[in-house]
Amino acid sequence: MEKHLEGLTLVQKRLVKAYATSILGEVRTVKDVKPEALQRYVELEIAEREIATLAVE
């Protein structure tokens, strides 16, 4: 289920999930994500969550 996060360390995966949560909560934006290399993973995590929500409906 987390194929979009393959190749990341455990710490990086946790950062991606934490950033995605704060972005979805409108606390941060994708531009706030540091290191910048994780920005695309955060975008993918958000997309995965939105797809999962739509699949439930």
C-alpha atoms as a PDB file:
ATOM      1  CA  MET A   1       0.000   0.000   0.000  1.00  0.00           C
ATOM      2  CA  GLU A   2       2.998   2.289   0.403  1.00  0.00           C
ATOM      3  CA  LYS A   3       4.661   1.606  -2.934  1.00  0.00           C
ATOM      4  CA  HIS A   4       4.879   5.352  -3.526  1.00  0.00           C
ATOM      5  CA  LEU A   5       7.283   5.543  -0.565  1.00  0.00           C
ATOM      6  CA  GLU A   6       9.621   2.731  -1.616  1.00  0.00           C
ATOM      7  CA  GLY A   7      13.275   3.650  -1.387  1.00  0.00           C
ATOM      8  CA  LEU A   8      12.811   6.036   1.531  1.00  0.00           C
ATOM      9  CA  THR A   9      14.184   5.420   4.989  1.00  0.00           C
ATOM     10  CA  LEU A  10      11.807   4.938   7.903  1.00  0.00           C
ATOM     11  CA  VAL A  11      12.520   8.493   9.090  1.00  0.00           C
ATOM     12  CA  GLN A  12      11.804   9.909   5.631  1.00  0.00           C
ATOM     13  CA  LYS A  13       8.534   7.965   5.432  1.00  0.00           C
ATOM     14  CA  ARG A  14       7.464   9.382   8.787  1.00  0.00           C
ATOM     15  CA  LEU A  15       8.382  12.900   7.664  1.00  0.00           C
ATOM     16  CA  VAL A  16       6.361  12.473   4.473  1.00  0.00           C
ATOM     17  CA  LYS A  17       3.319  11.302   6.419  1.00  0.00           C
ATOM     18  CA  ALA A  18       3.654  14.092   8.982  1.00  0.00           C
ATOM     19  CA  TYR A  19       4.006  16.770   6.301  1.00  0.00           C
ATOM     20  CA  ALA A  20       1.030  15.336   4.387  1.00  0.00           C
ATOM     21  CA  THR A  21      -1.098  15.470   7.525  1.00  0.00           C
ATOM     22  CA  SER A  22      -0.138  19.071   8.273  1.00  0.00           C
ATOM     23  CA  ILE A  23      -0.762  20.101   4.653  1.00  0.00           C
ATOM     24  CA  LEU A  24      -4.172  18.434   4.600  1.00  0.00           C
ATOM     25  CA  GLY A  25      -4.917  20.240   7.875  1.00  0.00           C
ATOM     26  CA  GLU A  26      -3.980  23.486   6.141  1.00  0.00           C
ATOM     27  CA  VAL A  27      -1.146  24.186   8.582  1.00  0.00           C
ATOM     28  CA  ARG A  28       1.614  24.042   5.942  1.00  0.00           C
ATOM     29  CA  THR A  29       2.024  24.001   2.172  1.00  0.00           C
ATOM     30  CA  VAL A  30       4.078  21.682  -0.032  1.00  0.00           C
ATOM     31  CA  LYS A  31       6.625  24.487  -0.428  1.00  0.00           C
ATOM     32  CA  ASP A  32       7.304  24.239   3.337  1.00  0.00           C
ATOM     33  CA  VAL A  33       8.555  20.642   2.989  1.00  0.00           C
ATOM     34  CA  LYS A  34      12.257  20.310   3.776  1.00  0.00           C
ATOM     35  CA  PRO A  35      14.279  18.614   2.379  1.00  0.00           C
ATOM     36  CA  GLU A  36      12.845  19.607  -0.976  1.00  0.00           C
ATOM     37  CA  ALA A  37      13.542  16.116  -2.357  1.00  0.00           C
ATOM     38  CA  LEU A  38      10.603  14.872  -0.262  1.00  0.00           C
ATOM     39  CA  GLN A  39       8.082  17.284  -1.811  1.00  0.00           C
ATOM     40  CA  ARG A  40       7.029  14.892  -4.586  1.00  0.00           C
ATOM     41  CA  TYR A  41       6.605  12.078  -2.069  1.00  0.00           C
ATOM     42  CA  VAL A  42       4.390  14.323   0.053  1.00  0.00           C
ATOM     43  CA  GLU A  43       2.292  15.133  -3.011  1.00  0.00           C
ATOM     44  CA  LEU A  44       1.979  11.406  -3.757  1.00  0.00           C
ATOM     45  CA  GLU A  45       0.989  10.671  -0.143  1.00  0.00           C
ATOM     46  CA  ILE A  46      -1.731  13.325  -0.295  1.00  0.00           C
ATOM     47  CA  ALA A  47      -3.001  11.895  -3.587  1.00  0.00           C
ATOM     48  CA  GLU A  48      -3.049   8.377  -2.122  1.00  0.00           C
ATOM     49  CA  ARG A  49      -5.090   9.588   0.844  1.00  0.00           C
ATOM     50  CA  GLU A  50      -7.554  11.435  -1.385  1.00  0.00           C
ATOM     51  CA  ILE A  51      -7.973   8.364  -3.604  1.00  0.00           C
ATOM     52  CA  ALA A  52      -8.526   6.168  -0.553  1.00  0.00           C
ATOM     53  CA  THR A  53     -11.215   8.574   0.674  1.00  0.00           C
ATOM     54  CA  LEU A  54     -12.972   8.504  -2.697  1.00  0.00           C
ATOM     55  CA  ALA A  55     -12.805   4.711  -2.821  1.00  0.00           C
ATOM     56  CA  VAL A  56     -14.662   4.489   0.512  1.00  0.00           C
ATOM     57  CA  GLU A  57     -17.476   6.789  -0.624  1.00  0.00           C
END
